[in-house]
Amino acid sequence: RNEHTTLPERNDRILCGELFCKWSYGECR
């Protein structure tokens, strides 16, 4: 926190988001 912070702390909130997940394989056989 500093003088620019206005966000209140929360211990109970909704967690919502849009997920992007990309992975690489090793041997592809």
mmCIF file of all heavy atoms, coordinates in Angstrom:
data_MODEL
# 
_entry.id   MODEL 
# 
loop_
_atom_site.group_PDB 
_atom_site.id 
_atom_site.type_symbol 
_atom_site.label_atom_id 
_atom_site.label_alt_id 
_atom_site.label_comp_id 
_atom_site.label_asym_id 
_atom_site.label_entity_id 
_atom_site.label_seq_id 
_atom_site.pdbx_PDB_ins_code 
_atom_site.Cartn_x 
_atom_site.Cartn_y 
_atom_site.Cartn_z 
_atom_site.occupancy 
_atom_site.B_iso_or_equiv 
_atom_site.pdbx_formal_charge 
_atom_site.auth_seq_id 
_atom_site.auth_comp_id 
_atom_site.auth_asym_id 
_atom_site.auth_atom_id 
_atom_site.pdbx_PDB_model_num 
ATOM 1   N N   . ARG A 1 1  ? 0.842   -1.194  0.000   1.00 0.00 ? 1  ARG A N   1 
ATOM 2   C CA  . ARG A 1 1  ? 0.000   0.000   0.000   1.00 0.00 ? 1  ARG A CA  1 
ATOM 3   C C   . ARG A 1 1  ? 0.879   1.246   0.000   1.00 0.00 ? 1  ARG A C   1 
ATOM 4   O O   . ARG A 1 1  ? 1.959   1.273   0.612   1.00 0.00 ? 1  ARG A O   1 
ATOM 5   C CB  . ARG A 1 1  ? -0.917  0.045   1.227   1.00 0.00 ? 1  ARG A CB  1 
ATOM 6   C CG  . ARG A 1 1  ? -1.793  -1.175  1.435   1.00 0.00 ? 1  ARG A CG  1 
ATOM 7   C CD  . ARG A 1 1  ? -2.810  -0.935  2.532   1.00 0.00 ? 1  ARG A CD  1 
ATOM 8   N NE  . ARG A 1 1  ? -3.855  -0.044  2.051   1.00 0.00 ? 1  ARG A NE  1 
ATOM 9   C CZ  . ARG A 1 1  ? -5.018  -0.473  1.534   1.00 0.00 ? 1  ARG A CZ  1 
ATOM 10  N NH1 . ARG A 1 1  ? -5.268  -1.768  1.457   1.00 0.00 ? 1  ARG A NH1 1 
ATOM 11  N NH2 . ARG A 1 1  ? -5.915  0.383   1.099   1.00 0.00 ? 1  ARG A NH2 1 
ATOM 12  N N   . ASN A 1 2  ? 0.405   2.278   -0.703  1.00 0.00 ? 2  ASN A N   1 
ATOM 13  C CA  . ASN A 1 2  ? 1.014   3.606   -0.591  1.00 0.00 ? 2  ASN A CA  1 
ATOM 14  C C   . ASN A 1 2  ? -0.088  4.647   -0.764  1.00 0.00 ? 2  ASN A C   1 
ATOM 15  O O   . ASN A 1 2  ? -1.280  4.319   -0.699  1.00 0.00 ? 2  ASN A O   1 
ATOM 16  C CB  . ASN A 1 2  ? 2.159   3.787   -1.600  1.00 0.00 ? 2  ASN A CB  1 
ATOM 17  C CG  . ASN A 1 2  ? 1.701   3.739   -3.046  1.00 0.00 ? 2  ASN A CG  1 
ATOM 18  O OD1 . ASN A 1 2  ? 0.497   3.724   -3.325  1.00 0.00 ? 2  ASN A OD1 1 
ATOM 19  N ND2 . ASN A 1 2  ? 2.636   3.724   -3.973  1.00 0.00 ? 2  ASN A ND2 1 
ATOM 20  N N   . GLU A 1 3  ? 0.298   5.888   -1.020  1.00 0.00 ? 3  GLU A N   1 
ATOM 21  C CA  . GLU A 1 3  ? -0.692  6.965   -1.076  1.00 0.00 ? 3  GLU A CA  1 
ATOM 22  C C   . GLU A 1 3  ? -1.635  6.837   -2.264  1.00 0.00 ? 3  GLU A C   1 
ATOM 23  O O   . GLU A 1 3  ? -2.672  7.519   -2.320  1.00 0.00 ? 3  GLU A O   1 
ATOM 24  C CB  . GLU A 1 3  ? 0.012   8.332   -1.110  1.00 0.00 ? 3  GLU A CB  1 
ATOM 25  C CG  . GLU A 1 3  ? 0.830   8.621   -2.367  1.00 0.00 ? 3  GLU A CG  1 
ATOM 26  C CD  . GLU A 1 3  ? 2.266   8.100   -2.282  1.00 0.00 ? 3  GLU A CD  1 
ATOM 27  O OE1 . GLU A 1 3  ? 2.521   7.229   -1.418  1.00 0.00 ? 3  GLU A OE1 1 
ATOM 28  O OE2 . GLU A 1 3  ? 3.105   8.561   -3.081  1.00 0.00 ? 3  GLU A OE2 1 
ATOM 29  N N   . HIS A 1 4  ? -1.316  5.970   -3.236  1.00 0.00 ? 4  HIS A N   1 
ATOM 30  C CA  . HIS A 1 4  ? -2.172  5.801   -4.410  1.00 0.00 ? 4  HIS A CA  1 
ATOM 31  C C   . HIS A 1 4  ? -3.133  4.622   -4.269  1.00 0.00 ? 4  HIS A C   1 
ATOM 32  O O   . HIS A 1 4  ? -3.918  4.351   -5.179  1.00 0.00 ? 4  HIS A O   1 
ATOM 33  C CB  . HIS A 1 4  ? -1.318  5.591   -5.668  1.00 0.00 ? 4  HIS A CB  1 
ATOM 34  C CG  . HIS A 1 4  ? -0.308  6.675   -5.889  1.00 0.00 ? 4  HIS A CG  1 
ATOM 35  N ND1 . HIS A 1 4  ? -0.647  7.984   -6.108  1.00 0.00 ? 4  HIS A ND1 1 
ATOM 36  C CD2 . HIS A 1 4  ? 1.050   6.629   -5.903  1.00 0.00 ? 4  HIS A CD2 1 
ATOM 37  C CE1 . HIS A 1 4  ? 0.451   8.720   -6.253  1.00 0.00 ? 4  HIS A CE1 1 
ATOM 38  N NE2 . HIS A 1 4  ? 1.495   7.914   -6.141  1.00 0.00 ? 4  HIS A NE2 1 
ATOM 39  N N   . THR A 1 5  ? -3.051  3.900   -3.182  1.00 0.00 ? 5  THR A N   1 
ATOM 40  C CA  . THR A 1 5  ? -3.855  2.695   -3.003  1.00 0.00 ? 5  THR A CA  1 
ATOM 41  C C   . THR A 1 5  ? -5.200  3.036   -2.379  1.00 0.00 ? 5  THR A C   1 
ATOM 42  O O   . THR A 1 5  ? -5.248  3.638   -1.300  1.00 0.00 ? 5  THR A O   1 
ATOM 43  C CB  . THR A 1 5  ? -3.120  1.676   -2.120  1.00 0.00 ? 5  THR A CB  1 
ATOM 44  O OG1 . THR A 1 5  ? -1.830  1.420   -2.684  1.00 0.00 ? 5  THR A OG1 1 
ATOM 45  C CG2 . THR A 1 5  ? -3.898  0.367   -2.046  1.00 0.00 ? 5  THR A CG2 1 
ATOM 46  N N   . THR A 1 6  ? -6.279  2.644   -3.052  1.00 0.00 ? 6  THR A N   1 
ATOM 47  C CA  . THR A 1 6  ? -7.631  2.843   -2.512  1.00 0.00 ? 6  THR A CA  1 
ATOM 48  C C   . THR A 1 6  ? -8.365  1.519   -2.328  1.00 0.00 ? 6  THR A C   1 
ATOM 49  O O   . THR A 1 6  ? -9.445  1.496   -1.746  1.00 0.00 ? 6  THR A O   1 
ATOM 50  C CB  . THR A 1 6  ? -8.460  3.737   -3.453  1.00 0.00 ? 6  THR A CB  1 
ATOM 51  O OG1 . THR A 1 6  ? -8.543  3.117   -4.748  1.00 0.00 ? 6  THR A OG1 1 
ATOM 52  C CG2 . THR A 1 6  ? -7.827  5.114   -3.594  1.00 0.00 ? 6  THR A CG2 1 
ATOM 53  N N   . LEU A 1 7  ? -7.798  0.424   -2.820  1.00 0.00 ? 7  LEU A N   1 
ATOM 54  C CA  . LEU A 1 7  ? -8.467  -0.873  -2.758  1.00 0.00 ? 7  LEU A CA  1 
ATOM 55  C C   . LEU A 1 7  ? -8.536  -1.372  -1.326  1.00 0.00 ? 7  LEU A C   1 
ATOM 56  O O   . LEU A 1 7  ? -7.512  -1.462  -0.639  1.00 0.00 ? 7  LEU A O   1 
ATOM 57  C CB  . LEU A 1 7  ? -7.699  -1.892  -3.622  1.00 0.00 ? 7  LEU A CB  1 
ATOM 58  C CG  . LEU A 1 7  ? -8.309  -3.291  -3.724  1.00 0.00 ? 7  LEU A CG  1 
ATOM 59  C CD1 . LEU A 1 7  ? -9.564  -3.252  -4.581  1.00 0.00 ? 7  LEU A CD1 1 
ATOM 60  C CD2 . LEU A 1 7  ? -7.297  -4.278  -4.311  1.00 0.00 ? 7  LEU A CD2 1 
ATOM 61  N N   . PRO A 1 8  ? -9.726  -1.739  -0.834  1.00 0.00 ? 8  PRO A N   1 
ATOM 62  C CA  . PRO A 1 8  ? -9.824  -2.296  0.514   1.00 0.00 ? 8  PRO A CA  1 
ATOM 63  C C   . PRO A 1 8  ? -9.395  -3.761  0.522   1.00 0.00 ? 8  PRO A C   1 
ATOM 64  O O   . PRO A 1 8  ? -9.476  -4.454  -0.487  1.00 0.00 ? 8  PRO A O   1 
ATOM 65  C CB  . PRO A 1 8  ? -11.315 -2.166  0.834   1.00 0.00 ? 8  PRO A CB  1 
ATOM 66  C CG  . PRO A 1 8  ? -11.998 -2.253  -0.505  1.00 0.00 ? 8  PRO A CG  1 
ATOM 67  C CD  . PRO A 1 8  ? -11.055 -1.579  -1.472  1.00 0.00 ? 8  PRO A CD  1 
ATOM 68  N N   . GLU A 1 9  ? -8.925  -4.221  1.676   1.00 0.00 ? 9  GLU A N   1 
ATOM 69  C CA  . GLU A 1 9  ? -8.591  -5.631  1.817   1.00 0.00 ? 9  GLU A CA  1 
ATOM 70  C C   . GLU A 1 9  ? -9.873  -6.439  1.993   1.00 0.00 ? 9  GLU A C   1 
ATOM 71  O O   . GLU A 1 9  ? -10.836 -5.993  2.613   1.00 0.00 ? 9  GLU A O   1 
ATOM 72  C CB  . GLU A 1 9  ? -7.664  -5.842  3.015   1.00 0.00 ? 9  GLU A CB  1 
ATOM 73  C CG  . GLU A 1 9  ? -6.320  -5.162  2.845   1.00 0.00 ? 9  GLU A CG  1 
ATOM 74  C CD  . GLU A 1 9  ? -5.293  -5.648  3.842   1.00 0.00 ? 9  GLU A CD  1 
ATOM 75  O OE1 . GLU A 1 9  ? -5.648  -6.477  4.698   1.00 0.00 ? 9  GLU A OE1 1 
ATOM 76  O OE2 . GLU A 1 9  ? -4.124  -5.224  3.752   1.00 0.00 ? 9  GLU A OE2 1 
ATOM 77  N N   . ARG A 1 10 ? -9.866  -7.649  1.411   1.00 0.00 ? 10 ARG A N   1 
ATOM 78  C CA  . ARG A 1 10 ? -11.047 -8.511  1.488   1.00 0.00 ? 10 ARG A CA  1 
ATOM 79  C C   . ARG A 1 10 ? -10.605 -9.938  1.780   1.00 0.00 ? 10 ARG A C   1 
ATOM 80  O O   . ARG A 1 10 ? -9.612  -10.418 1.243   1.00 0.00 ? 10 ARG A O   1 
ATOM 81  C CB  . ARG A 1 10 ? -11.825 -8.491  0.167   1.00 0.00 ? 10 ARG A CB  1 
ATOM 82  C CG  . ARG A 1 10 ? -12.427 -7.140  -0.194  1.00 0.00 ? 10 ARG A CG  1 
ATOM 83  C CD  . ARG A 1 10 ? -13.131 -7.209  -1.534  1.00 0.00 ? 10 ARG A CD  1 
ATOM 84  N NE  . ARG A 1 10 ? -13.718 -5.923  -1.913  1.00 0.00 ? 10 ARG A NE  1 
ATOM 85  C CZ  . ARG A 1 10 ? -14.308 -5.681  -3.079  1.00 0.00 ? 10 ARG A CZ  1 
ATOM 86  N NH1 . ARG A 1 10 ? -14.384 -6.651  -3.982  1.00 0.00 ? 10 ARG A NH1 1 
ATOM 87  N NH2 . ARG A 1 10 ? -14.818 -4.500  -3.341  1.00 0.00 ? 10 ARG A NH2 1 
ATOM 88  N N   . ASN A 1 11 ? -11.382 -10.590 2.642   1.00 0.00 ? 11 ASN A N   1 
ATOM 89  C CA  . ASN A 1 11 ? -11.136 -12.019 2.902   1.00 0.00 ? 11 ASN A CA  1 
ATOM 90  C C   . ASN A 1 11 ? -12.286 -12.888 2.423   1.00 0.00 ? 11 ASN A C   1 
ATOM 91  O O   . ASN A 1 11 ? -12.297 -14.091 2.656   1.00 0.00 ? 11 ASN A O   1 
ATOM 92  C CB  . ASN A 1 11 ? -10.858 -12.270 4.385   1.00 0.00 ? 11 ASN A CB  1 
ATOM 93  C CG  . ASN A 1 11 ? -12.008 -11.806 5.272   1.00 0.00 ? 11 ASN A CG  1 
ATOM 94  O OD1 . ASN A 1 11 ? -13.127 -11.593 4.809   1.00 0.00 ? 11 ASN A OD1 1 
ATOM 95  N ND2 . ASN A 1 11 ? -11.717 -11.635 6.553   1.00 0.00 ? 11 ASN A ND2 1 
ATOM 96  N N   . ASP A 1 12 ? -13.261 -12.262 1.756   1.00 0.00 ? 12 ASP A N   1 
ATOM 97  C CA  . ASP A 1 12 ? -14.375 -13.026 1.181   1.00 0.00 ? 12 ASP A CA  1 
ATOM 98  C C   . ASP A 1 12 ? -14.882 -12.265 -0.034  1.00 0.00 ? 12 ASP A C   1 
ATOM 99  O O   . ASP A 1 12 ? -15.549 -11.240 0.095   1.00 0.00 ? 12 ASP A O   1 
ATOM 100 C CB  . ASP A 1 12 ? -15.506 -13.211 2.198   1.00 0.00 ? 12 ASP A CB  1 
ATOM 101 C CG  . ASP A 1 12 ? -16.614 -14.109 1.653   1.00 0.00 ? 12 ASP A CG  1 
ATOM 102 O OD1 . ASP A 1 12 ? -16.392 -14.776 0.622   1.00 0.00 ? 12 ASP A OD1 1 
ATOM 103 O OD2 . ASP A 1 12 ? -17.712 -14.128 2.252   1.00 0.00 ? 12 ASP A OD2 1 
ATOM 104 N N   . ARG A 1 13 ? -14.542 -12.760 -1.199  1.00 0.00 ? 13 ARG A N   1 
ATOM 105 C CA  . ARG A 1 13 ? -14.931 -12.098 -2.445  1.00 0.00 ? 13 ARG A CA  1 
ATOM 106 C C   . ARG A 1 13 ? -15.226 -13.149 -3.502  1.00 0.00 ? 13 ARG A C   1 
ATOM 107 O O   . ARG A 1 13 ? -14.929 -14.330 -3.334  1.00 0.00 ? 13 ARG A O   1 
ATOM 108 C CB  . ARG A 1 13 ? -13.809 -11.183 -2.941  1.00 0.00 ? 13 ARG A CB  1 
ATOM 109 C CG  . ARG A 1 13 ? -12.547 -11.946 -3.340  1.00 0.00 ? 13 ARG A CG  1 
ATOM 110 C CD  . ARG A 1 13 ? -11.512 -11.063 -4.002  1.00 0.00 ? 13 ARG A CD  1 
ATOM 111 N NE  . ARG A 1 13 ? -10.330 -11.858 -4.391  1.00 0.00 ? 13 ARG A NE  1 
ATOM 112 C CZ  . ARG A 1 13 ? -9.308  -11.372 -5.084  1.00 0.00 ? 13 ARG A CZ  1 
ATOM 113 N NH1 . ARG A 1 13 ? -9.285  -10.109 -5.440  1.00 0.00 ? 13 ARG A NH1 1 
ATOM 114 N NH2 . ARG A 1 13 ? -8.291  -12.151 -5.418  1.00 0.00 ? 13 ARG A NH2 1 
ATOM 115 N N   . ILE A 1 14 ? -15.805 -12.686 -4.601  1.00 0.00 ? 14 ILE A N   1 
ATOM 116 C CA  . ILE A 1 14 ? -16.005 -13.549 -5.763  1.00 0.00 ? 14 ILE A CA  1 
ATOM 117 C C   . ILE A 1 14 ? -14.701 -13.600 -6.560  1.00 0.00 ? 14 ILE A C   1 
ATOM 118 O O   . ILE A 1 14 ? -14.075 -12.563 -6.797  1.00 0.00 ? 14 ILE A O   1 
ATOM 119 C CB  . ILE A 1 14 ? -17.154 -13.025 -6.638  1.00 0.00 ? 14 ILE A CB  1 
ATOM 120 C CG1 . ILE A 1 14 ? -18.500 -13.260 -5.941  1.00 0.00 ? 14 ILE A CG1 1 
ATOM 121 C CG2 . ILE A 1 14 ? -17.152 -13.702 -8.009  1.00 0.00 ? 14 ILE A CG2 1 
ATOM 122 C CD1 . ILE A 1 14 ? -19.687 -12.724 -6.709  1.00 0.00 ? 14 ILE A CD1 1 
ATOM 123 N N   . LEU A 1 15 ? -14.297 -14.789 -6.930  1.00 0.00 ? 15 LEU A N   1 
ATOM 124 C CA  . LEU A 1 15 ? -13.154 -14.950 -7.824  1.00 0.00 ? 15 LEU A CA  1 
ATOM 125 C C   . LEU A 1 15 ? -13.699 -15.409 -9.178  1.00 0.00 ? 15 LEU A C   1 
ATOM 126 O O   . LEU A 1 15 ? -14.280 -16.496 -9.297  1.00 0.00 ? 15 LEU A O   1 
ATOM 127 C CB  . LEU A 1 15 ? -12.157 -15.964 -7.274  1.00 0.00 ? 15 LEU A CB  1 
ATOM 128 C CG  . LEU A 1 15 ? -10.776 -16.025 -7.935  1.00 0.00 ? 15 LEU A CG  1 
ATOM 129 C CD1 . LEU A 1 15 ? -9.740  -16.601 -6.972  1.00 0.00 ? 15 LEU A CD1 1 
ATOM 130 C CD2 . LEU A 1 15 ? -10.785 -16.859 -9.210  1.00 0.00 ? 15 LEU A CD2 1 
ATOM 131 N N   . CYS A 1 16 ? -13.546 -14.567 -10.158 1.00 0.00 ? 16 CYS A N   1 
ATOM 132 C CA  . CYS A 1 16 ? -14.104 -14.862 -11.479 1.00 0.00 ? 16 CYS A CA  1 
ATOM 133 C C   . CYS A 1 16 ? -13.107 -14.428 -12.539 1.00 0.00 ? 16 CYS A C   1 
ATOM 134 O O   . CYS A 1 16 ? -12.447 -13.397 -12.401 1.00 0.00 ? 16 CYS A O   1 
ATOM 135 C CB  . CYS A 1 16 ? -15.437 -14.123 -11.668 1.00 0.00 ? 16 CYS A CB  1 
ATOM 136 S SG  . CYS A 1 16 ? -16.223 -14.400 -13.274 1.00 0.00 ? 16 CYS A SG  1 
ATOM 137 N N   . GLY A 1 17 ? -12.983 -15.221 -13.586 1.00 0.00 ? 17 GLY A N   1 
ATOM 138 C CA  . GLY A 1 17 ? -12.058 -14.852 -14.643 1.00 0.00 ? 17 GLY A CA  1 
ATOM 139 C C   . GLY A 1 17 ? -12.190 -15.723 -15.872 1.00 0.00 ? 17 GLY A C   1 
ATOM 140 O O   . GLY A 1 17 ? -12.892 -16.737 -15.876 1.00 0.00 ? 17 GLY A O   1 
ATOM 141 N N   . GLU A 1 18 ? -11.510 -15.292 -16.896 1.00 0.00 ? 18 GLU A N   1 
ATOM 142 C CA  . GLU A 1 18 ? -11.462 -16.022 -18.163 1.00 0.00 ? 18 GLU A CA  1 
ATOM 143 C C   . GLU A 1 18 ? -10.050 -16.568 -18.320 1.00 0.00 ? 18 GLU A C   1 
ATOM 144 O O   . GLU A 1 18 ? -9.081  -15.802 -18.329 1.00 0.00 ? 18 GLU A O   1 
ATOM 145 C CB  . GLU A 1 18 ? -11.836 -15.096 -19.318 1.00 0.00 ? 18 GLU A CB  1 
ATOM 146 C CG  . GLU A 1 18 ? -12.048 -15.798 -20.644 1.00 0.00 ? 18 GLU A CG  1 
ATOM 147 C CD  . GLU A 1 18 ? -12.606 -14.858 -21.697 1.00 0.00 ? 18 GLU A CD  1 
ATOM 148 O OE1 . GLU A 1 18 ? -13.834 -14.748 -21.808 1.00 0.00 ? 18 GLU A OE1 1 
ATOM 149 O OE2 . GLU A 1 18 ? -11.798 -14.204 -22.379 1.00 0.00 ? 18 GLU A OE2 1 
ATOM 150 N N   . LEU A 1 19 ? -9.956  -17.877 -18.457 1.00 0.00 ? 19 LEU A N   1 
ATOM 151 C CA  . LEU A 1 19 ? -8.662  -18.549 -18.409 1.00 0.00 ? 19 LEU A CA  1 
ATOM 152 C C   . LEU A 1 19 ? -8.148  -18.887 -19.806 1.00 0.00 ? 19 LEU A C   1 
ATOM 153 O O   . LEU A 1 19 ? -8.892  -19.350 -20.666 1.00 0.00 ? 19 LEU A O   1 
ATOM 154 C CB  . LEU A 1 19 ? -8.774  -19.842 -17.594 1.00 0.00 ? 19 LEU A CB  1 
ATOM 155 C CG  . LEU A 1 19 ? -7.458  -20.540 -17.247 1.00 0.00 ? 19 LEU A CG  1 
ATOM 156 C CD1 . LEU A 1 19 ? -6.770  -19.816 -16.098 1.00 0.00 ? 19 LEU A CD1 1 
ATOM 157 C CD2 . LEU A 1 19 ? -7.695  -21.994 -16.871 1.00 0.00 ? 19 LEU A CD2 1 
ATOM 158 N N   . PHE A 1 20 ? -6.855  -18.633 -20.003 1.00 0.00 ? 20 PHE A N   1 
ATOM 159 C CA  . PHE A 1 20 ? -6.111  -19.078 -21.187 1.00 0.00 ? 20 PHE A CA  1 
ATOM 160 C C   . PHE A 1 20 ? -5.001  -19.988 -20.688 1.00 0.00 ? 20 PHE A C   1 
ATOM 161 O O   . PHE A 1 20 ? -4.240  -19.624 -19.787 1.00 0.00 ? 20 PHE A O   1 
ATOM 162 C CB  . PHE A 1 20 ? -5.524  -17.879 -21.930 1.00 0.00 ? 20 PHE A CB  1 
ATOM 163 C CG  . PHE A 1 20 ? -4.540  -18.245 -23.015 1.00 0.00 ? 20 PHE A CG  1 
ATOM 164 C CD1 . PHE A 1 20 ? -4.958  -18.407 -24.324 1.00 0.00 ? 20 PHE A CD1 1 
ATOM 165 C CD2 . PHE A 1 20 ? -3.188  -18.414 -22.732 1.00 0.00 ? 20 PHE A CD2 1 
ATOM 166 C CE1 . PHE A 1 20 ? -4.054  -18.730 -25.323 1.00 0.00 ? 20 PHE A CE1 1 
ATOM 167 C CE2 . PHE A 1 20 ? -2.285  -18.747 -23.725 1.00 0.00 ? 20 PHE A CE2 1 
ATOM 168 C CZ  . PHE A 1 20 ? -2.720  -18.900 -25.022 1.00 0.00 ? 20 PHE A CZ  1 
ATOM 169 N N   . CYS A 1 21 ? -4.913  -21.167 -21.253 1.00 0.00 ? 21 CYS A N   1 
ATOM 170 C CA  . CYS A 1 21 ? -3.915  -22.141 -20.814 1.00 0.00 ? 21 CYS A CA  1 
ATOM 171 C C   . CYS A 1 21 ? -3.301  -22.799 -22.050 1.00 0.00 ? 21 CYS A C   1 
ATOM 172 O O   . CYS A 1 21 ? -4.022  -23.344 -22.896 1.00 0.00 ? 21 CYS A O   1 
ATOM 173 C CB  . CYS A 1 21 ? -4.578  -23.184 -19.915 1.00 0.00 ? 21 CYS A CB  1 
ATOM 174 S SG  . CYS A 1 21 ? -3.427  -24.193 -18.983 1.00 0.00 ? 21 CYS A SG  1 
ATOM 175 N N   . LYS A 1 22 ? -1.984  -22.748 -22.155 1.00 0.00 ? 22 LYS A N   1 
ATOM 176 C CA  . LYS A 1 22 ? -1.282  -23.317 -23.311 1.00 0.00 ? 22 LYS A CA  1 
ATOM 177 C C   . LYS A 1 22 ? -0.075  -24.101 -22.816 1.00 0.00 ? 22 LYS A C   1 
ATOM 178 O O   . LYS A 1 22 ? 0.678   -23.617 -21.973 1.00 0.00 ? 22 LYS A O   1 
ATOM 179 C CB  . LYS A 1 22 ? -0.829  -22.184 -24.246 1.00 0.00 ? 22 LYS A CB  1 
ATOM 180 C CG  . LYS A 1 22 ? -0.027  -22.629 -25.459 1.00 0.00 ? 22 LYS A CG  1 
ATOM 181 C CD  . LYS A 1 22 ? 0.387   -21.418 -26.282 1.00 0.00 ? 22 LYS A CD  1 
ATOM 182 C CE  . LYS A 1 22 ? 1.296   -21.793 -27.433 1.00 0.00 ? 22 LYS A CE  1 
ATOM 183 N NZ  . LYS A 1 22 ? 1.721   -20.601 -28.214 1.00 0.00 ? 22 LYS A NZ  1 
ATOM 184 N N   . TRP A 1 23 ? 0.084   -25.313 -23.338 1.00 0.00 ? 23 TRP A N   1 
ATOM 185 C CA  . TRP A 1 23 ? 1.175   -26.163 -22.879 1.00 0.00 ? 23 TRP A CA  1 
ATOM 186 C C   . TRP A 1 23 ? 1.927   -26.750 -24.066 1.00 0.00 ? 23 TRP A C   1 
ATOM 187 O O   . TRP A 1 23 ? 1.409   -26.858 -25.178 1.00 0.00 ? 23 TRP A O   1 
ATOM 188 C CB  . TRP A 1 23 ? 0.650   -27.273 -21.975 1.00 0.00 ? 23 TRP A CB  1 
ATOM 189 C CG  . TRP A 1 23 ? -0.396  -28.162 -22.587 1.00 0.00 ? 23 TRP A CG  1 
ATOM 190 C CD1 . TRP A 1 23 ? -0.205  -29.305 -23.306 1.00 0.00 ? 23 TRP A CD1 1 
ATOM 191 C CD2 . TRP A 1 23 ? -1.824  -27.945 -22.550 1.00 0.00 ? 23 TRP A CD2 1 
ATOM 192 N NE1 . TRP A 1 23 ? -1.405  -29.828 -23.705 1.00 0.00 ? 23 TRP A NE1 1 
ATOM 193 C CE2 . TRP A 1 23 ? -2.420  -29.017 -23.260 1.00 0.00 ? 23 TRP A CE2 1 
ATOM 194 C CE3 . TRP A 1 23 ? -2.654  -26.964 -21.990 1.00 0.00 ? 23 TRP A CE3 1 
ATOM 195 C CZ2 . TRP A 1 23 ? -3.797  -29.126 -23.427 1.00 0.00 ? 23 TRP A CZ2 1 
ATOM 196 C CZ3 . TRP A 1 23 ? -4.026  -27.075 -22.164 1.00 0.00 ? 23 TRP A CZ3 1 
ATOM 197 C CH2 . TRP A 1 23 ? -4.581  -28.144 -22.865 1.00 0.00 ? 23 TRP A CH2 1 
ATOM 198 N N   . SER A 1 24 ? 3.170   -27.157 -23.802 1.00 0.00 ? 24 SER A N   1 
ATOM 199 C CA  . SER A 1 24 ? 3.986   -27.782 -24.838 1.00 0.00 ? 24 SER A CA  1 
ATOM 200 C C   . SER A 1 24 ? 4.255   -29.228 -24.456 1.00 0.00 ? 24 SER A C   1 
ATOM 201 O O   . SER A 1 24 ? 4.382   -29.572 -23.276 1.00 0.00 ? 24 SER A O   1 
ATOM 202 C CB  . SER A 1 24 ? 5.308   -27.036 -25.024 1.00 0.00 ? 24 SER A CB  1 
ATOM 203 O OG  . SER A 1 24 ? 6.111   -27.156 -23.867 1.00 0.00 ? 24 SER A OG  1 
ATOM 204 N N   . TYR A 1 25 ? 4.343   -30.071 -25.487 1.00 0.00 ? 25 TYR A N   1 
ATOM 205 C CA  . TYR A 1 25 ? 4.651   -31.483 -25.290 1.00 0.00 ? 25 TYR A CA  1 
ATOM 206 C C   . TYR A 1 25 ? 6.136   -31.713 -25.516 1.00 0.00 ? 25 TYR A C   1 
ATOM 207 O O   . TYR A 1 25 ? 6.805   -30.952 -26.222 1.00 0.00 ? 25 TYR A O   1 
ATOM 208 C CB  . TYR A 1 25 ? 3.861   -32.347 -26.276 1.00 0.00 ? 25 TYR A CB  1 
ATOM 209 C CG  . TYR A 1 25 ? 2.368   -32.368 -26.025 1.00 0.00 ? 25 TYR A CG  1 
ATOM 210 C CD1 . TYR A 1 25 ? 1.502   -31.629 -26.822 1.00 0.00 ? 25 TYR A CD1 1 
ATOM 211 C CD2 . TYR A 1 25 ? 1.826   -33.129 -25.002 1.00 0.00 ? 25 TYR A CD2 1 
ATOM 212 C CE1 . TYR A 1 25 ? 0.128   -31.651 -26.604 1.00 0.00 ? 25 TYR A CE1 1 
ATOM 213 C CE2 . TYR A 1 25 ? 0.459   -33.156 -24.776 1.00 0.00 ? 25 TYR A CE2 1 
ATOM 214 C CZ  . TYR A 1 25 ? -0.377  -32.416 -25.586 1.00 0.00 ? 25 TYR A CZ  1 
ATOM 215 O OH  . TYR A 1 25 ? -1.733  -32.441 -25.361 1.00 0.00 ? 25 TYR A OH  1 
ATOM 216 N N   . GLY A 1 26 ? 6.628   -32.787 -24.935 1.00 0.00 ? 26 GLY A N   1 
ATOM 217 C CA  . GLY A 1 26 ? 7.980   -33.219 -25.240 1.00 0.00 ? 26 GLY A CA  1 
ATOM 218 C C   . GLY A 1 26 ? 7.949   -34.100 -26.475 1.00 0.00 ? 26 GLY A C   1 
ATOM 219 O O   . GLY A 1 26 ? 7.587   -33.665 -27.560 1.00 0.00 ? 26 GLY A O   1 
ATOM 220 N N   . GLU A 1 27 ? 8.304   -35.356 -26.329 1.00 0.00 ? 27 GLU A N   1 
ATOM 221 C CA  . GLU A 1 27 ? 8.227   -36.302 -27.439 1.00 0.00 ? 27 GLU A CA  1 
ATOM 222 C C   . GLU A 1 27 ? 6.776   -36.470 -27.851 1.00 0.00 ? 27 GLU A C   1 
ATOM 223 O O   . GLU A 1 27 ? 5.909   -36.743 -27.023 1.00 0.00 ? 27 GLU A O   1 
ATOM 224 C CB  . GLU A 1 27 ? 8.811   -37.649 -27.017 1.00 0.00 ? 27 GLU A CB  1 
ATOM 225 C CG  . GLU A 1 27 ? 8.945   -38.651 -28.139 1.00 0.00 ? 27 GLU A CG  1 
ATOM 226 C CD  . GLU A 1 27 ? 10.051  -38.292 -29.115 1.00 0.00 ? 27 GLU A CD  1 
ATOM 227 O OE1 . GLU A 1 27 ? 11.015  -37.635 -28.701 1.00 0.00 ? 27 GLU A OE1 1 
ATOM 228 O OE2 . GLU A 1 27 ? 9.934   -38.664 -30.294 1.00 0.00 ? 27 GLU A OE2 1 
ATOM 229 N N   . CYS A 1 28 ? 6.485   -36.301 -29.137 1.00 0.00 ? 28 CYS A N   1 
ATOM 230 C CA  . CYS A 1 28 ? 5.099   -36.301 -29.619 1.00 0.00 ? 28 CYS A CA  1 
ATOM 231 C C   . CYS A 1 28 ? 4.670   -37.644 -30.205 1.00 0.00 ? 28 CYS A C   1 
ATOM 232 O O   . CYS A 1 28 ? 3.766   -37.698 -31.031 1.00 0.00 ? 28 CYS A O   1 
ATOM 233 C CB  . CYS A 1 28 ? 4.908   -35.195 -30.655 1.00 0.00 ? 28 CYS A CB  1 
ATOM 234 S SG  . CYS A 1 28 ? 5.009   -33.550 -29.959 1.00 0.00 ? 28 CYS A SG  1 
ATOM 235 N N   . ARG A 1 29 ? 5.319   -38.714 -29.818 1.00 0.00 ? 29 ARG A N   1 
ATOM 236 C CA  . ARG A 1 29 ? 4.952   -40.021 -30.343 1.00 0.00 ? 29 ARG A CA  1 
ATOM 237 C C   . ARG A 1 29 ? 4.036   -40.755 -29.373 1.00 0.00 ? 29 ARG A C   1 
ATOM 238 O O   . ARG A 1 29 ? 4.220   -40.697 -28.162 1.00 0.00 ? 29 ARG A O   1 
ATOM 239 C CB  . ARG A 1 29 ? 6.214   -40.852 -30.601 1.00 0.00 ? 29 ARG A CB  1 
ATOM 240 C CG  . ARG A 1 29 ? 7.137   -40.262 -31.662 1.00 0.00 ? 29 ARG A CG  1 
ATOM 241 C CD  . ARG A 1 29 ? 8.425   -41.062 -31.776 1.00 0.00 ? 29 ARG A CD  1 
ATOM 242 N NE  . ARG A 1 29 ? 9.342   -40.477 -32.739 1.00 0.00 ? 29 ARG A NE  1 
ATOM 243 C CZ  . ARG A 1 29 ? 10.586  -40.873 -32.919 1.00 0.00 ? 29 ARG A CZ  1 
ATOM 244 N NH1 . ARG A 1 29 ? 11.065  -41.884 -32.199 1.00 0.00 ? 29 ARG A NH1 1 
ATOM 245 N NH2 . ARG A 1 29 ? 11.359  -40.287 -33.811 1.00 0.00 ? 29 ARG A NH2 1 
# 
